[in-house]
Amino acid sequence: MFMDVASRLAGLRLKLQEADYGAFVARSVSNVTYLSGFDGVWDTEPSSLILITAADAIVVTDSRFRDASCDAAGDGPISVRIA
């Protein structure tokens, strides 16, 4: 799983650099799930977002999804913040 996520992040970071953008934010459940690889963490309610910069990939979610998000993050390339 982490390899797919790392590839997705690398591709998006390349596009950010080419476009001279400093960050990318996604809020839809499907996009957050795809970019983070956190499958089965959220329900259909948009309660999370992912922020991707050249150096960081951060999922921000609410406390209802704290444990599941932190478990899904493991030692992978995504960090979790609780809003």
N, C-alpha and C. Protein backbone atom coordinates (compact mmCIF):
# COMPACT_ATOMS: atom_id res chain seq x y z
N MET A 1 0.82 -1.19 0.00
CA MET A 1 0.00 0.00 0.00
C MET A 1 0.86 1.26 0.00
N PHE A 2 1.86 1.33 0.87
CA PHE A 2 2.66 2.55 0.98
C PHE A 2 3.40 2.86 -0.32
N MET A 3 3.77 1.83 -1.10
CA MET A 3 4.46 2.08 -2.36
C MET A 3 3.53 2.79 -3.34
N ASP A 4 2.27 2.35 -3.43
CA ASP A 4 1.31 3.02 -4.32
C ASP A 4 1.11 4.46 -3.89
N VAL A 5 0.97 4.69 -2.59
CA VAL A 5 0.78 6.04 -2.07
C VAL A 5 2.01 6.89 -2.37
N ALA A 6 3.17 6.35 -2.15
CA ALA A 6 4.41 7.09 -2.42
C ALA A 6 4.49 7.49 -3.89
N SER A 7 4.08 6.59 -4.79
CA SER A 7 4.08 6.90 -6.22
C SER A 7 3.07 7.99 -6.56
N ARG A 8 1.89 7.91 -5.95
CA ARG A 8 0.88 8.94 -6.18
C ARG A 8 1.36 10.30 -5.69
N LEU A 9 1.96 10.31 -4.51
CA LEU A 9 2.46 11.57 -3.95
C LEU A 9 3.58 12.14 -4.82
N ALA A 10 4.47 11.28 -5.26
CA ALA A 10 5.58 11.74 -6.11
C ALA A 10 5.04 12.34 -7.41
N GLY A 11 4.07 11.70 -8.02
CA GLY A 11 3.49 12.21 -9.25
C GLY A 11 2.79 13.55 -9.04
N LEU A 12 2.05 13.67 -7.95
CA LEU A 12 1.37 14.92 -7.66
C LEU A 12 2.37 16.03 -7.34
N ARG A 13 3.41 15.70 -6.61
CA ARG A 13 4.44 16.70 -6.29
C ARG A 13 5.15 17.18 -7.55
N LEU A 14 5.36 16.31 -8.49
CA LEU A 14 5.95 16.71 -9.76
C LEU A 14 5.03 17.69 -10.48
N LYS A 15 3.74 17.39 -10.51
CA LYS A 15 2.77 18.29 -11.14
C LYS A 15 2.72 19.64 -10.42
N LEU A 16 2.79 19.63 -9.09
CA LEU A 16 2.82 20.88 -8.33
C LEU A 16 4.03 21.72 -8.71
N GLN A 17 5.16 21.07 -8.81
CA GLN A 17 6.39 21.77 -9.17
C GLN A 17 6.30 22.35 -10.58
N GLU A 18 5.82 21.55 -11.52
CA GLU A 18 5.68 22.01 -12.90
C GLU A 18 4.75 23.21 -13.01
N ALA A 19 3.71 23.23 -12.20
CA ALA A 19 2.73 24.32 -12.23
C ALA A 19 3.12 25.48 -11.32
N ASP A 20 4.20 25.32 -10.59
CA ASP A 20 4.68 26.32 -9.64
C ASP A 20 3.64 26.60 -8.55
N TYR A 21 3.00 25.53 -8.08
CA TYR A 21 2.06 25.61 -6.96
C TYR A 21 2.77 25.14 -5.70
N GLY A 22 2.43 25.74 -4.58
CA GLY A 22 3.06 25.36 -3.32
C GLY A 22 2.38 24.23 -2.59
N ALA A 23 1.10 23.99 -2.91
CA ALA A 23 0.36 22.96 -2.18
C ALA A 23 -0.86 22.52 -2.97
N PHE A 24 -1.37 21.36 -2.57
CA PHE A 24 -2.59 20.81 -3.13
C PHE A 24 -3.46 20.35 -1.97
N VAL A 25 -4.75 20.69 -2.02
CA VAL A 25 -5.69 20.26 -1.00
C VAL A 25 -6.84 19.53 -1.67
N ALA A 26 -7.18 18.37 -1.12
CA ALA A 26 -8.35 17.62 -1.59
C ALA A 26 -9.25 17.37 -0.39
N ARG A 27 -10.56 17.46 -0.63
CA ARG A 27 -11.50 17.29 0.47
C ARG A 27 -12.50 16.17 0.24
N SER A 28 -12.73 15.78 -0.99
CA SER A 28 -13.72 14.73 -1.23
C SER A 28 -13.19 13.41 -0.65
N VAL A 29 -14.12 12.62 -0.15
CA VAL A 29 -13.74 11.35 0.49
C VAL A 29 -12.96 10.48 -0.49
N SER A 30 -13.39 10.41 -1.73
CA SER A 30 -12.71 9.54 -2.70
C SER A 30 -11.29 10.02 -2.98
N ASN A 31 -11.08 11.32 -3.10
CA ASN A 31 -9.74 11.84 -3.35
C ASN A 31 -8.82 11.69 -2.15
N VAL A 32 -9.35 11.96 -0.96
CA VAL A 32 -8.54 11.79 0.26
C VAL A 32 -8.14 10.33 0.42
N THR A 33 -9.09 9.43 0.18
CA THR A 33 -8.81 8.00 0.28
C THR A 33 -7.77 7.58 -0.75
N TYR A 34 -7.92 8.00 -2.00
CA TYR A 34 -6.99 7.63 -3.06
C TYR A 34 -5.57 8.12 -2.77
N LEU A 35 -5.45 9.38 -2.40
CA LEU A 35 -4.11 9.96 -2.19
C LEU A 35 -3.45 9.45 -0.92
N SER A 36 -4.24 9.16 0.11
CA SER A 36 -3.65 8.71 1.37
C SER A 36 -3.49 7.20 1.44
N GLY A 37 -4.33 6.47 0.72
CA GLY A 37 -4.33 5.03 0.84
C GLY A 37 -5.07 4.54 2.08
N PHE A 38 -5.76 5.42 2.76
CA PHE A 38 -6.49 5.08 3.99
C PHE A 38 -7.85 4.50 3.61
N ASP A 39 -7.89 3.32 3.10
CA ASP A 39 -9.11 2.68 2.64
C ASP A 39 -9.98 2.25 3.82
N GLY A 40 -11.26 2.57 3.78
CA GLY A 40 -12.20 2.13 4.81
C GLY A 40 -12.15 2.93 6.10
N VAL A 41 -11.49 4.07 6.09
CA VAL A 41 -11.37 4.88 7.31
C VAL A 41 -12.58 5.77 7.50
N TRP A 42 -13.05 6.42 6.43
CA TRP A 42 -14.12 7.40 6.54
C TRP A 42 -15.41 6.86 5.97
N ASP A 43 -16.52 7.45 6.44
CA ASP A 43 -17.80 7.16 5.81
C ASP A 43 -17.98 8.11 4.63
N THR A 44 -19.17 8.31 4.17
CA THR A 44 -19.38 9.15 2.99
C THR A 44 -19.40 10.64 3.31
N GLU A 45 -19.41 10.99 4.58
CA GLU A 45 -19.41 12.41 4.97
C GLU A 45 -18.02 13.02 4.81
N PRO A 46 -17.91 14.17 4.15
CA PRO A 46 -16.58 14.80 4.01
C PRO A 46 -16.12 15.39 5.34
N SER A 47 -15.37 14.61 6.08
CA SER A 47 -14.92 15.03 7.41
C SER A 47 -13.40 15.14 7.47
N SER A 48 -12.75 15.03 6.34
CA SER A 48 -11.29 15.04 6.30
C SER A 48 -10.81 15.77 5.07
N LEU A 49 -9.55 16.11 5.09
CA LEU A 49 -8.90 16.67 3.91
C LEU A 49 -7.46 16.20 3.91
N ILE A 50 -6.83 16.32 2.77
CA ILE A 50 -5.41 16.00 2.66
C ILE A 50 -4.71 17.23 2.07
N LEU A 51 -3.61 17.59 2.69
CA LEU A 51 -2.77 18.69 2.25
C LEU A 51 -1.44 18.10 1.82
N ILE A 52 -1.05 18.39 0.59
CA ILE A 52 0.21 17.87 0.06
C ILE A 52 1.07 19.03 -0.39
N THR A 53 2.29 19.06 0.13
CA THR A 53 3.29 20.04 -0.29
C THR A 53 4.51 19.28 -0.76
N ALA A 54 5.55 20.00 -1.13
CA ALA A 54 6.78 19.34 -1.57
C ALA A 54 7.39 18.50 -0.46
N ALA A 55 7.16 18.88 0.78
CA ALA A 55 7.80 18.19 1.91
C ALA A 55 6.86 17.35 2.76
N ASP A 56 5.57 17.64 2.73
CA ASP A 56 4.65 16.99 3.65
C ASP A 56 3.40 16.47 2.95
N ALA A 57 2.81 15.47 3.56
CA ALA A 57 1.48 14.98 3.18
C ALA A 57 0.74 14.77 4.50
N ILE A 58 -0.29 15.56 4.71
CA ILE A 58 -0.98 15.58 6.00
C ILE A 58 -2.47 15.37 5.80
N VAL A 59 -3.01 14.41 6.51
CA VAL A 59 -4.46 14.23 6.56
C VAL A 59 -4.95 14.93 7.81
N VAL A 60 -5.95 15.78 7.63
CA VAL A 60 -6.60 16.46 8.75
C VAL A 60 -8.00 15.90 8.85
N THR A 61 -8.36 15.43 10.01
CA THR A 61 -9.68 14.83 10.21
C THR A 61 -10.20 15.19 11.58
N ASP A 62 -11.44 14.81 11.86
CA ASP A 62 -11.96 15.11 13.19
C ASP A 62 -11.76 13.93 14.12
N SER A 63 -12.08 14.14 15.38
CA SER A 63 -11.74 13.15 16.41
C SER A 63 -12.45 11.81 16.24
N ARG A 64 -13.55 11.78 15.50
CA ARG A 64 -14.25 10.50 15.29
C ARG A 64 -13.37 9.50 14.55
N PHE A 65 -12.43 9.99 13.76
CA PHE A 65 -11.62 9.12 12.91
C PHE A 65 -10.15 9.08 13.36
N ARG A 66 -9.89 9.54 14.58
CA ARG A 66 -8.51 9.60 15.10
C ARG A 66 -7.84 8.24 15.07
N ASP A 67 -8.42 7.27 15.73
CA ASP A 67 -7.76 5.96 15.85
C ASP A 67 -7.59 5.28 14.49
N ALA A 68 -8.65 5.28 13.68
CA ALA A 68 -8.57 4.62 12.37
C ALA A 68 -7.56 5.31 11.47
N SER A 69 -7.51 6.64 11.50
CA SER A 69 -6.55 7.37 10.67
C SER A 69 -5.12 7.12 11.11
N CYS A 70 -4.89 7.17 12.40
CA CYS A 70 -3.53 6.93 12.91
C CYS A 70 -3.08 5.50 12.61
N ASP A 71 -4.01 4.53 12.75
CA ASP A 71 -3.67 3.15 12.41
C ASP A 71 -3.33 3.01 10.93
N ALA A 72 -4.13 3.65 10.08
CA ALA A 72 -3.89 3.57 8.64
C ALA A 72 -2.57 4.24 8.25
N ALA A 73 -2.20 5.30 8.94
CA ALA A 73 -0.96 6.02 8.62
C ALA A 73 0.26 5.17 8.92
N GLY A 74 0.21 4.43 10.01
CA GLY A 74 1.35 3.58 10.38
C GLY A 74 2.67 4.31 10.25
N ASP A 75 3.62 3.70 9.58
CA ASP A 75 4.94 4.30 9.34
C ASP A 75 5.05 4.82 7.91
N GLY A 76 3.91 5.04 7.28
CA GLY A 76 3.91 5.48 5.88
C GLY A 76 4.20 6.96 5.72
N PRO A 77 4.02 7.46 4.52
CA PRO A 77 4.41 8.84 4.18
C PRO A 77 3.39 9.91 4.57
N ILE A 78 2.27 9.51 5.17
CA ILE A 78 1.21 10.46 5.52
C ILE A 78 1.19 10.66 7.03
N SER A 79 1.13 11.90 7.46
CA SER A 79 0.94 12.17 8.88
C SER A 79 -0.51 12.60 9.10
N VAL A 80 -0.97 12.47 10.34
CA VAL A 80 -2.37 12.75 10.68
C VAL A 80 -2.41 13.87 11.71
N ARG A 81 -3.32 14.80 11.50
CA ARG A 81 -3.61 15.88 12.46
C ARG A 81 -5.09 15.85 12.74
N ILE A 82 -5.46 16.09 13.98
CA ILE A 82 -6.85 16.10 14.37
C ILE A 82 -7.30 17.56 14.52
N ALA A 83 -8.39 17.90 13.85
CA ALA A 83 -8.90 19.27 13.90
C ALA A 83 -9.89 19.43 15.04
